[in-house]
N, C-alpha and C. Protein backbone atom coordinates (compact mmCIF):
# COMPACT_ATOMS: atom_id res chain seq x y z
N MET A 1 -3.27 -9.62 -12.92
CA MET A 1 -3.68 -10.34 -11.72
C MET A 1 -3.96 -9.31 -10.61
N ASP A 2 -5.07 -9.47 -9.97
CA ASP A 2 -5.49 -8.57 -8.89
C ASP A 2 -4.51 -8.67 -7.71
N GLN A 3 -4.17 -7.54 -7.12
CA GLN A 3 -3.24 -7.51 -6.00
C GLN A 3 -3.92 -7.16 -4.68
N GLU A 4 -5.24 -7.20 -4.64
CA GLU A 4 -5.97 -6.78 -3.45
C GLU A 4 -5.66 -7.66 -2.24
N LEU A 5 -5.55 -8.99 -2.42
CA LEU A 5 -5.23 -9.88 -1.31
C LEU A 5 -3.86 -9.53 -0.73
N LEU A 6 -2.90 -9.25 -1.57
CA LEU A 6 -1.57 -8.85 -1.10
C LEU A 6 -1.66 -7.56 -0.29
N ARG A 7 -2.39 -6.59 -0.80
CA ARG A 7 -2.52 -5.32 -0.08
C ARG A 7 -3.20 -5.52 1.27
N ARG A 8 -4.27 -6.31 1.32
CA ARG A 8 -4.97 -6.56 2.59
C ARG A 8 -4.06 -7.30 3.58
N THR A 9 -3.29 -8.26 3.08
CA THR A 9 -2.38 -9.02 3.94
C THR A 9 -1.34 -8.11 4.57
N ILE A 10 -0.77 -7.23 3.78
CA ILE A 10 0.23 -6.30 4.28
C ILE A 10 -0.41 -5.30 5.25
N ALA A 11 -1.58 -4.80 4.89
CA ALA A 11 -2.25 -3.79 5.71
C ALA A 11 -2.64 -4.31 7.09
N MET A 12 -2.85 -5.63 7.23
CA MET A 12 -3.17 -6.20 8.55
C MET A 12 -2.00 -5.99 9.51
N VAL A 13 -0.81 -5.91 8.98
CA VAL A 13 0.40 -5.77 9.78
C VAL A 13 0.94 -4.35 9.76
N SER A 14 0.91 -3.75 8.58
CA SER A 14 1.54 -2.44 8.39
C SER A 14 0.74 -1.64 7.36
N PRO A 15 -0.26 -0.90 7.82
CA PRO A 15 -1.05 -0.10 6.87
C PRO A 15 -0.16 0.85 6.08
N MET A 16 -0.52 1.04 4.81
CA MET A 16 0.24 1.99 3.99
C MET A 16 -0.73 2.85 3.19
N SER A 17 -0.29 4.04 2.88
CA SER A 17 -1.12 4.98 2.13
C SER A 17 -1.30 4.48 0.69
N ASP A 18 -2.32 5.04 0.03
CA ASP A 18 -2.54 4.71 -1.38
C ASP A 18 -1.32 5.07 -2.21
N GLU A 19 -0.67 6.16 -1.86
CA GLU A 19 0.52 6.61 -2.59
C GLU A 19 1.65 5.58 -2.50
N VAL A 20 1.90 5.08 -1.30
CA VAL A 20 2.95 4.07 -1.12
C VAL A 20 2.56 2.79 -1.83
N TRP A 21 1.30 2.38 -1.72
CA TRP A 21 0.87 1.15 -2.39
C TRP A 21 1.03 1.25 -3.90
N VAL A 22 0.59 2.35 -4.48
CA VAL A 22 0.70 2.53 -5.93
C VAL A 22 2.17 2.47 -6.36
N ALA A 23 3.04 3.08 -5.58
CA ALA A 23 4.48 3.06 -5.90
C ALA A 23 5.06 1.65 -5.74
N SER A 24 4.48 0.83 -4.89
CA SER A 24 4.99 -0.51 -4.59
C SER A 24 4.46 -1.59 -5.53
N ALA A 25 3.23 -1.45 -5.93
CA ALA A 25 2.53 -2.54 -6.64
C ALA A 25 3.25 -3.00 -7.90
N GLY A 26 3.89 -2.08 -8.60
CA GLY A 26 4.57 -2.44 -9.85
C GLY A 26 5.78 -3.34 -9.67
N PHE A 27 6.26 -3.48 -8.45
CA PHE A 27 7.41 -4.35 -8.19
C PHE A 27 7.02 -5.83 -8.16
N PHE A 28 5.73 -6.13 -8.06
CA PHE A 28 5.25 -7.51 -8.00
C PHE A 28 4.79 -7.95 -9.38
N LYS A 29 5.29 -9.10 -9.82
CA LYS A 29 4.98 -9.63 -11.15
C LYS A 29 4.18 -10.93 -11.01
N PRO A 30 3.10 -11.07 -11.80
CA PRO A 30 2.28 -12.28 -11.71
C PRO A 30 2.96 -13.49 -12.34
N LYS A 31 2.67 -14.65 -11.76
CA LYS A 31 3.17 -15.92 -12.31
C LYS A 31 2.15 -17.00 -11.96
N THR A 32 1.93 -17.90 -12.89
CA THR A 32 1.07 -19.05 -12.63
C THR A 32 1.89 -20.33 -12.77
N LEU A 33 1.55 -21.31 -11.96
CA LEU A 33 2.17 -22.63 -12.04
C LEU A 33 1.07 -23.68 -12.12
N ARG A 34 1.35 -24.74 -12.86
CA ARG A 34 0.43 -25.88 -12.90
C ARG A 34 0.64 -26.75 -11.66
N LYS A 35 -0.35 -27.55 -11.35
CA LYS A 35 -0.21 -28.52 -10.26
C LYS A 35 1.02 -29.37 -10.52
N LYS A 36 1.83 -29.58 -9.48
CA LYS A 36 3.07 -30.37 -9.48
C LYS A 36 4.25 -29.65 -10.13
N GLU A 37 4.07 -28.41 -10.57
CA GLU A 37 5.17 -27.64 -11.12
C GLU A 37 5.96 -27.01 -9.96
N PHE A 38 7.28 -26.99 -10.11
CA PHE A 38 8.14 -26.48 -9.04
C PHE A 38 8.28 -24.97 -9.12
N PHE A 39 8.13 -24.32 -7.97
CA PHE A 39 8.48 -22.91 -7.82
C PHE A 39 9.98 -22.81 -7.54
N LEU A 40 10.51 -23.77 -6.77
CA LEU A 40 11.92 -23.79 -6.40
C LEU A 40 12.34 -25.23 -6.19
N ARG A 41 13.51 -25.58 -6.72
CA ARG A 41 14.07 -26.92 -6.50
C ARG A 41 15.23 -26.84 -5.52
N GLN A 42 15.31 -27.86 -4.70
CA GLN A 42 16.43 -28.00 -3.76
C GLN A 42 17.73 -27.88 -4.55
N GLY A 43 18.65 -27.03 -4.09
CA GLY A 43 19.93 -26.84 -4.78
C GLY A 43 19.96 -25.61 -5.67
N GLU A 44 18.79 -25.05 -6.01
CA GLU A 44 18.74 -23.82 -6.79
C GLU A 44 18.74 -22.61 -5.86
N VAL A 45 19.16 -21.47 -6.37
CA VAL A 45 19.08 -20.23 -5.60
C VAL A 45 17.69 -19.63 -5.80
N CYS A 46 17.06 -19.23 -4.71
CA CYS A 46 15.73 -18.62 -4.75
C CYS A 46 15.87 -17.16 -5.18
N LYS A 47 15.45 -16.85 -6.39
CA LYS A 47 15.59 -15.50 -6.95
C LYS A 47 14.39 -14.61 -6.63
N TYR A 48 13.26 -15.22 -6.27
CA TYR A 48 12.04 -14.46 -6.00
C TYR A 48 11.35 -15.04 -4.78
N ILE A 49 10.66 -14.17 -4.06
CA ILE A 49 9.71 -14.61 -3.05
C ILE A 49 8.34 -14.48 -3.70
N GLY A 50 7.50 -15.49 -3.51
CA GLY A 50 6.18 -15.49 -4.12
C GLY A 50 5.09 -15.29 -3.08
N PHE A 51 4.12 -14.46 -3.41
CA PHE A 51 2.93 -14.30 -2.58
C PHE A 51 1.84 -15.15 -3.20
N VAL A 52 1.27 -16.05 -2.40
CA VAL A 52 0.27 -17.00 -2.91
C VAL A 52 -1.09 -16.31 -2.97
N GLN A 53 -1.59 -16.14 -4.19
CA GLN A 53 -2.91 -15.55 -4.42
C GLN A 53 -3.99 -16.64 -4.45
N LYS A 54 -3.64 -17.77 -5.07
CA LYS A 54 -4.60 -18.86 -5.21
C LYS A 54 -3.83 -20.17 -5.27
N GLY A 55 -4.37 -21.19 -4.58
CA GLY A 55 -3.71 -22.49 -4.54
C GLY A 55 -2.84 -22.60 -3.29
N TYR A 56 -2.02 -23.64 -3.26
CA TYR A 56 -1.07 -23.78 -2.15
C TYR A 56 0.16 -24.54 -2.59
N THR A 57 1.24 -24.34 -1.84
CA THR A 57 2.50 -25.01 -2.11
C THR A 57 2.85 -25.95 -0.96
N ARG A 58 3.68 -26.92 -1.28
CA ARG A 58 4.27 -27.80 -0.26
C ARG A 58 5.77 -27.61 -0.32
N LEU A 59 6.38 -27.40 0.85
CA LEU A 59 7.82 -27.28 0.97
C LEU A 59 8.33 -28.61 1.51
N PHE A 60 9.31 -29.21 0.82
CA PHE A 60 9.78 -30.51 1.27
C PHE A 60 11.25 -30.73 0.93
N TYR A 61 11.86 -31.59 1.74
CA TYR A 61 13.25 -32.00 1.55
C TYR A 61 13.27 -33.34 0.83
N ASN A 62 14.26 -33.53 -0.04
CA ASN A 62 14.54 -34.86 -0.59
C ASN A 62 15.64 -35.46 0.28
N LEU A 63 15.28 -36.49 1.04
CA LEU A 63 16.25 -37.16 1.91
C LEU A 63 16.31 -38.63 1.52
N ALA A 64 17.45 -39.04 1.00
CA ALA A 64 17.64 -40.42 0.54
C ALA A 64 16.49 -40.78 -0.40
N GLN A 65 15.67 -41.75 -0.03
CA GLN A 65 14.55 -42.19 -0.87
C GLN A 65 13.23 -41.62 -0.39
N GLU A 66 13.28 -40.58 0.42
CA GLU A 66 12.08 -40.10 1.09
C GLU A 66 11.93 -38.58 0.92
N GLU A 67 10.67 -38.15 0.80
CA GLU A 67 10.36 -36.72 0.84
C GLU A 67 9.84 -36.41 2.23
N VAL A 68 10.38 -35.36 2.85
CA VAL A 68 9.94 -34.95 4.18
C VAL A 68 9.35 -33.54 4.06
N THR A 69 8.07 -33.42 4.42
CA THR A 69 7.37 -32.15 4.28
C THR A 69 7.77 -31.20 5.40
N LYS A 70 8.19 -30.01 5.00
CA LYS A 70 8.62 -28.96 5.93
C LYS A 70 7.45 -28.05 6.29
N ASP A 71 6.63 -27.68 5.29
CA ASP A 71 5.58 -26.70 5.52
C ASP A 71 4.67 -26.64 4.31
N PHE A 72 3.63 -25.82 4.43
CA PHE A 72 2.71 -25.51 3.35
C PHE A 72 2.50 -24.00 3.33
N ASN A 73 2.27 -23.45 2.14
CA ASN A 73 1.95 -22.03 2.00
C ASN A 73 0.63 -21.92 1.26
N THR A 74 -0.39 -21.38 1.93
CA THR A 74 -1.71 -21.24 1.34
C THR A 74 -1.95 -19.78 0.98
N GLU A 75 -3.14 -19.49 0.46
CA GLU A 75 -3.48 -18.15 0.04
C GLU A 75 -3.20 -17.14 1.16
N GLY A 76 -2.62 -16.01 0.76
CA GLY A 76 -2.32 -14.96 1.71
C GLY A 76 -0.99 -15.12 2.41
N SER A 77 -0.18 -16.07 1.98
CA SER A 77 1.15 -16.24 2.59
C SER A 77 2.22 -16.19 1.50
N PHE A 78 3.46 -16.15 1.93
CA PHE A 78 4.59 -16.06 1.02
C PHE A 78 5.27 -17.41 0.91
N CYS A 79 5.87 -17.69 -0.24
CA CYS A 79 6.59 -18.95 -0.43
C CYS A 79 7.97 -18.69 -1.00
N GLY A 80 8.83 -19.67 -0.80
CA GLY A 80 10.22 -19.60 -1.25
C GLY A 80 11.13 -19.96 -0.09
N SER A 81 12.41 -19.87 -0.33
CA SER A 81 13.40 -20.07 0.73
C SER A 81 13.99 -18.70 1.05
N TYR A 82 13.61 -18.15 2.18
CA TYR A 82 14.09 -16.81 2.53
C TYR A 82 15.61 -16.82 2.74
N ALA A 83 16.13 -17.89 3.32
CA ALA A 83 17.59 -17.97 3.53
C ALA A 83 18.32 -17.93 2.20
N SER A 84 17.87 -18.71 1.23
CA SER A 84 18.48 -18.71 -0.09
C SER A 84 18.32 -17.36 -0.78
N PHE A 85 17.13 -16.79 -0.67
CA PHE A 85 16.79 -15.51 -1.28
C PHE A 85 17.73 -14.40 -0.79
N ILE A 86 17.95 -14.32 0.50
CA ILE A 86 18.77 -13.25 1.09
C ILE A 86 20.27 -13.50 0.91
N THR A 87 20.70 -14.75 1.08
CA THR A 87 22.14 -15.04 1.04
C THR A 87 22.66 -15.46 -0.33
N ASN A 88 21.73 -15.65 -1.29
CA ASN A 88 22.11 -16.06 -2.64
C ASN A 88 22.84 -17.40 -2.64
N THR A 89 22.39 -18.30 -1.78
CA THR A 89 22.95 -19.64 -1.68
C THR A 89 21.88 -20.67 -2.08
N PRO A 90 22.29 -21.90 -2.40
CA PRO A 90 21.31 -22.90 -2.83
C PRO A 90 20.26 -23.20 -1.75
N ALA A 91 19.03 -23.35 -2.19
CA ALA A 91 17.93 -23.71 -1.29
C ALA A 91 18.13 -25.14 -0.81
N ARG A 92 17.71 -25.40 0.41
CA ARG A 92 17.85 -26.73 1.00
C ARG A 92 16.60 -27.57 0.83
N PHE A 93 15.55 -26.98 0.27
CA PHE A 93 14.29 -27.70 0.10
C PHE A 93 13.62 -27.29 -1.20
N ASN A 94 12.59 -28.04 -1.58
CA ASN A 94 11.79 -27.80 -2.77
C ASN A 94 10.51 -27.07 -2.40
N VAL A 95 9.97 -26.33 -3.36
CA VAL A 95 8.64 -25.71 -3.22
C VAL A 95 7.87 -26.10 -4.48
N VAL A 96 6.77 -26.83 -4.30
CA VAL A 96 5.99 -27.32 -5.44
C VAL A 96 4.53 -26.91 -5.30
N ALA A 97 3.91 -26.62 -6.45
CA ALA A 97 2.48 -26.28 -6.47
C ALA A 97 1.67 -27.56 -6.26
N MET A 98 0.76 -27.52 -5.31
CA MET A 98 -0.09 -28.68 -5.03
C MET A 98 -1.45 -28.55 -5.72
N GLU A 99 -1.74 -27.38 -6.20
CA GLU A 99 -2.93 -27.06 -6.98
C GLU A 99 -2.47 -26.04 -8.01
N PRO A 100 -3.28 -25.76 -9.04
CA PRO A 100 -2.91 -24.64 -9.91
C PRO A 100 -2.67 -23.41 -9.02
N LEU A 101 -1.58 -22.71 -9.30
CA LEU A 101 -1.09 -21.68 -8.38
C LEU A 101 -1.00 -20.34 -9.08
N GLU A 102 -1.50 -19.31 -8.40
CA GLU A 102 -1.34 -17.93 -8.86
C GLU A 102 -0.50 -17.20 -7.83
N LEU A 103 0.59 -16.63 -8.30
CA LEU A 103 1.56 -15.96 -7.43
C LEU A 103 1.81 -14.53 -7.88
N LEU A 104 2.30 -13.73 -6.95
CA LEU A 104 2.89 -12.43 -7.25
C LEU A 104 4.33 -12.51 -6.78
N LEU A 105 5.28 -12.27 -7.67
CA LEU A 105 6.70 -12.43 -7.36
C LEU A 105 7.37 -11.09 -7.16
N ILE A 106 8.35 -11.09 -6.24
CA ILE A 106 9.20 -9.92 -6.06
C ILE A 106 10.65 -10.38 -5.91
N SER A 107 11.56 -9.64 -6.54
CA SER A 107 12.98 -9.97 -6.46
C SER A 107 13.58 -9.39 -5.17
N LYS A 108 14.75 -9.88 -4.82
CA LYS A 108 15.46 -9.38 -3.64
C LYS A 108 15.75 -7.89 -3.80
N GLU A 109 16.25 -7.50 -4.95
CA GLU A 109 16.58 -6.09 -5.18
C GLU A 109 15.35 -5.21 -4.99
N ASN A 110 14.23 -5.61 -5.55
CA ASN A 110 13.02 -4.80 -5.43
C ASN A 110 12.48 -4.78 -4.00
N LEU A 111 12.53 -5.91 -3.31
CA LEU A 111 12.05 -5.94 -1.93
C LEU A 111 12.92 -5.04 -1.05
N LEU A 112 14.23 -5.13 -1.22
CA LEU A 112 15.12 -4.29 -0.43
C LEU A 112 14.93 -2.81 -0.77
N ASN A 113 14.69 -2.50 -2.04
CA ASN A 113 14.40 -1.11 -2.41
C ASN A 113 13.14 -0.60 -1.71
N LEU A 114 12.11 -1.43 -1.66
CA LEU A 114 10.87 -1.02 -0.99
C LEU A 114 11.11 -0.76 0.50
N THR A 115 11.89 -1.65 1.13
CA THR A 115 12.14 -1.47 2.57
C THR A 115 13.01 -0.25 2.85
N GLU A 116 13.87 0.10 1.92
CA GLU A 116 14.71 1.29 2.10
C GLU A 116 13.93 2.58 1.85
N GLN A 117 12.96 2.54 0.97
CA GLN A 117 12.23 3.75 0.60
C GLN A 117 11.00 4.02 1.46
N TYR A 118 10.37 2.97 1.97
CA TYR A 118 9.06 3.14 2.62
C TYR A 118 9.01 2.45 3.98
N MET A 119 8.75 3.24 5.01
CA MET A 119 8.67 2.71 6.38
C MET A 119 7.63 1.58 6.53
N PRO A 120 6.46 1.65 5.90
CA PRO A 120 5.51 0.54 6.05
C PRO A 120 6.08 -0.80 5.61
N TRP A 121 6.94 -0.78 4.59
CA TRP A 121 7.57 -2.03 4.16
C TRP A 121 8.59 -2.52 5.17
N GLN A 122 9.34 -1.62 5.79
CA GLN A 122 10.27 -2.02 6.85
C GLN A 122 9.52 -2.71 7.97
N LYS A 123 8.41 -2.08 8.40
CA LYS A 123 7.62 -2.64 9.48
C LYS A 123 7.04 -3.99 9.09
N PHE A 124 6.51 -4.09 7.88
CA PHE A 124 5.93 -5.35 7.43
C PHE A 124 6.98 -6.46 7.43
N LEU A 125 8.14 -6.18 6.86
CA LEU A 125 9.18 -7.21 6.78
C LEU A 125 9.65 -7.63 8.17
N ARG A 126 9.82 -6.69 9.07
CA ARG A 126 10.24 -7.02 10.43
C ARG A 126 9.21 -7.90 11.12
N ILE A 127 7.95 -7.52 11.03
CA ILE A 127 6.90 -8.31 11.70
C ILE A 127 6.73 -9.67 11.03
N ALA A 128 6.87 -9.72 9.71
CA ALA A 128 6.79 -11.02 9.01
C ALA A 128 7.92 -11.95 9.48
N MET A 129 9.13 -11.40 9.63
CA MET A 129 10.26 -12.22 10.09
C MET A 129 10.04 -12.68 11.53
N GLU A 130 9.50 -11.80 12.37
CA GLU A 130 9.18 -12.19 13.75
C GLU A 130 8.18 -13.33 13.74
N GLY A 131 7.16 -13.23 12.90
CA GLY A 131 6.16 -14.29 12.81
C GLY A 131 6.75 -15.61 12.36
N MET A 132 7.66 -15.56 11.39
CA MET A 132 8.33 -16.79 10.93
C MET A 132 9.16 -17.40 12.05
N PHE A 133 9.87 -16.58 12.78
CA PHE A 133 10.70 -17.08 13.88
C PHE A 133 9.84 -17.72 14.97
N ILE A 134 8.75 -17.07 15.32
CA ILE A 134 7.86 -17.60 16.36
C ILE A 134 7.24 -18.92 15.90
N ALA A 135 6.80 -18.99 14.65
CA ALA A 135 6.22 -20.23 14.13
C ALA A 135 7.25 -21.36 14.15
N LYS A 136 8.48 -21.06 13.79
CA LYS A 136 9.55 -22.07 13.80
C LYS A 136 9.80 -22.55 15.23
N GLU A 137 9.87 -21.63 16.17
CA GLU A 137 10.09 -22.02 17.57
C GLU A 137 8.93 -22.88 18.09
N ASN A 138 7.72 -22.49 17.77
CA ASN A 138 6.55 -23.27 18.22
C ASN A 138 6.56 -24.67 17.62
N ARG A 139 6.92 -24.78 16.35
CA ARG A 139 6.97 -26.09 15.70
C ARG A 139 8.05 -26.97 16.34
N GLU A 140 9.21 -26.39 16.61
CA GLU A 140 10.27 -27.15 17.26
C GLU A 140 9.82 -27.64 18.64
N THR A 141 9.16 -26.78 19.39
CA THR A 141 8.67 -27.16 20.72
C THR A 141 7.69 -28.32 20.62
N LEU A 142 6.76 -28.25 19.66
CA LEU A 142 5.81 -29.35 19.48
C LEU A 142 6.52 -30.66 19.17
N PHE A 143 7.51 -30.61 18.28
CA PHE A 143 8.21 -31.84 17.90
C PHE A 143 8.99 -32.43 19.06
N LEU A 144 9.48 -31.57 19.96
CA LEU A 144 10.28 -32.07 21.07
C LEU A 144 9.47 -32.44 22.30
N THR A 145 8.26 -31.89 22.43
CA THR A 145 7.52 -32.09 23.68
C THR A 145 6.16 -32.74 23.54
N ALA A 146 5.60 -32.79 22.34
CA ALA A 146 4.23 -33.28 22.18
C ALA A 146 4.21 -34.68 21.57
N THR A 147 3.17 -35.42 21.89
CA THR A 147 2.96 -36.72 21.28
C THR A 147 2.44 -36.52 19.86
N PRO A 148 2.47 -37.56 19.02
CA PRO A 148 1.90 -37.42 17.68
C PRO A 148 0.43 -36.97 17.72
N GLU A 149 -0.35 -37.51 18.65
CA GLU A 149 -1.75 -37.10 18.75
C GLU A 149 -1.87 -35.62 19.14
N GLU A 150 -1.05 -35.18 20.06
CA GLU A 150 -1.07 -33.76 20.45
C GLU A 150 -0.68 -32.85 19.29
N ARG A 151 0.30 -33.29 18.48
CA ARG A 151 0.69 -32.49 17.31
C ARG A 151 -0.47 -32.38 16.32
N TYR A 152 -1.17 -33.49 16.11
CA TYR A 152 -2.32 -33.46 15.20
C TYR A 152 -3.43 -32.56 15.75
N LEU A 153 -3.73 -32.67 17.02
CA LEU A 153 -4.79 -31.86 17.61
C LEU A 153 -4.44 -30.36 17.56
N GLU A 154 -3.18 -30.04 17.75
CA GLU A 154 -2.75 -28.64 17.65
C GLU A 154 -2.94 -28.14 16.21
N LEU A 155 -2.57 -28.97 15.23
CA LEU A 155 -2.76 -28.60 13.83
C LEU A 155 -4.25 -28.44 13.51
N LEU A 156 -5.06 -29.34 14.01
CA LEU A 156 -6.51 -29.27 13.77
C LEU A 156 -7.09 -27.97 14.32
N GLN A 157 -6.59 -27.54 15.45
CA GLN A 157 -7.05 -26.29 16.05
C GLN A 157 -6.52 -25.06 15.30
N ARG A 158 -5.24 -25.11 14.95
CA ARG A 158 -4.58 -23.95 14.33
C ARG A 158 -4.89 -23.83 12.84
N ARG A 159 -4.95 -24.94 12.13
CA ARG A 159 -5.13 -24.91 10.68
C ARG A 159 -6.14 -25.98 10.22
N PRO A 160 -7.41 -25.84 10.60
CA PRO A 160 -8.41 -26.83 10.17
C PRO A 160 -8.54 -26.88 8.64
N ASP A 161 -8.25 -25.77 7.96
CA ASP A 161 -8.30 -25.75 6.50
C ASP A 161 -7.28 -26.72 5.89
N TRP A 162 -6.12 -26.84 6.51
CA TRP A 162 -5.12 -27.78 6.01
C TRP A 162 -5.62 -29.22 6.12
N VAL A 163 -6.24 -29.53 7.25
CA VAL A 163 -6.70 -30.90 7.50
C VAL A 163 -7.74 -31.31 6.46
N LYS A 164 -8.54 -30.37 6.00
CA LYS A 164 -9.56 -30.65 4.98
C LYS A 164 -8.98 -30.68 3.57
N ARG A 165 -7.93 -29.97 3.33
CA ARG A 165 -7.45 -29.72 1.97
C ARG A 165 -6.24 -30.54 1.55
N ILE A 166 -5.36 -30.83 2.47
CA ILE A 166 -4.06 -31.43 2.14
C ILE A 166 -4.12 -32.95 2.30
N PRO A 167 -3.59 -33.69 1.32
CA PRO A 167 -3.60 -35.16 1.42
C PRO A 167 -2.92 -35.66 2.69
N LEU A 168 -3.49 -36.74 3.23
CA LEU A 168 -3.06 -37.32 4.50
C LEU A 168 -1.56 -37.62 4.53
N LYS A 169 -1.00 -38.16 3.45
CA LYS A 169 0.42 -38.54 3.49
C LYS A 169 1.32 -37.33 3.68
N TYR A 170 0.92 -36.16 3.15
CA TYR A 170 1.73 -34.96 3.32
C TYR A 170 1.54 -34.35 4.71
N LEU A 171 0.32 -34.42 5.21
CA LEU A 171 0.09 -33.96 6.59
C LEU A 171 0.87 -34.83 7.58
N ALA A 172 0.84 -36.13 7.36
CA ALA A 172 1.58 -37.05 8.25
C ALA A 172 3.07 -36.71 8.25
N SER A 173 3.63 -36.50 7.07
CA SER A 173 5.04 -36.15 6.97
C SER A 173 5.32 -34.84 7.70
N TYR A 174 4.47 -33.86 7.51
CA TYR A 174 4.61 -32.57 8.18
C TYR A 174 4.58 -32.73 9.70
N LEU A 175 3.74 -33.65 10.18
CA LEU A 175 3.60 -33.88 11.61
C LEU A 175 4.63 -34.85 12.17
N GLY A 176 5.48 -35.40 11.30
CA GLY A 176 6.55 -36.29 11.74
C GLY A 176 6.07 -37.67 12.12
N MET A 177 5.12 -38.21 11.35
CA MET A 177 4.60 -39.55 11.65
C MET A 177 4.27 -40.26 10.35
N ALA A 178 4.09 -41.57 10.46
CA ALA A 178 3.69 -42.37 9.31
C ALA A 178 2.22 -42.10 8.98
N PRO A 179 1.83 -42.20 7.72
CA PRO A 179 0.43 -42.02 7.35
C PRO A 179 -0.52 -42.93 8.13
N GLU A 180 -0.07 -44.14 8.41
CA GLU A 180 -0.92 -45.10 9.16
C GLU A 180 -1.18 -44.60 10.58
N THR A 181 -0.17 -43.99 11.19
CA THR A 181 -0.33 -43.43 12.53
C THR A 181 -1.34 -42.30 12.51
N LEU A 182 -1.23 -41.44 11.53
CA LEU A 182 -2.19 -40.33 11.43
C LEU A 182 -3.60 -40.86 11.17
N SER A 183 -3.72 -41.88 10.36
CA SER A 183 -5.05 -42.49 10.12
C SER A 183 -5.66 -43.00 11.41
N ARG A 184 -4.86 -43.67 12.24
CA ARG A 184 -5.37 -44.19 13.52
C ARG A 184 -5.79 -43.06 14.44
N ILE A 185 -4.98 -41.99 14.49
CA ILE A 185 -5.30 -40.84 15.34
C ILE A 185 -6.60 -40.20 14.87
N ARG A 186 -6.76 -40.04 13.60
CA ARG A 186 -7.98 -39.41 13.04
C ARG A 186 -9.22 -40.26 13.27
N ALA A 187 -9.04 -41.58 13.34
CA ALA A 187 -10.17 -42.49 13.52
C ALA A 187 -10.73 -42.45 14.96
N ARG A 188 -9.92 -41.98 15.89
CA ARG A 188 -10.36 -41.95 17.31
C ARG A 188 -11.39 -40.90 17.56
């Protein structure tokens, strides 16, 4: 499986020499999943972080009789439960392939080895964590301060690809509203 997308994604944040990349590339292992196949189930420990090469995942919680969508991971992003991965504790949510999925996997041991050996990996991981924290804070702010229509309009501006690609019921769940509410907002 080609690793060029992974290299470009990392280089946007933390450029690395060909020597460092060649030494790093072997730590990533390819994996494919069929549509609806789970990368991670709620209650399991996340042993690998996956880089999405093709397809997308949906992250969701099983709550009583309902699935609540937490997030999506599309091409060029990472998937898994970072908290579970780092602390070796059960994941609190599921990660499922929504399309046929091509991933590059790395274990905790290998990721930590890369960050200890190579400064570009330290920088990449730090900036990636900062980005995750900022995205989480922004999402919390939207949920606490914005109307359902404002949340949809923000998503439309920030991720128009999601609006075209992801089924309405999952987008509605992600936005914290009923599918019927999202349908009415979209019709306006």
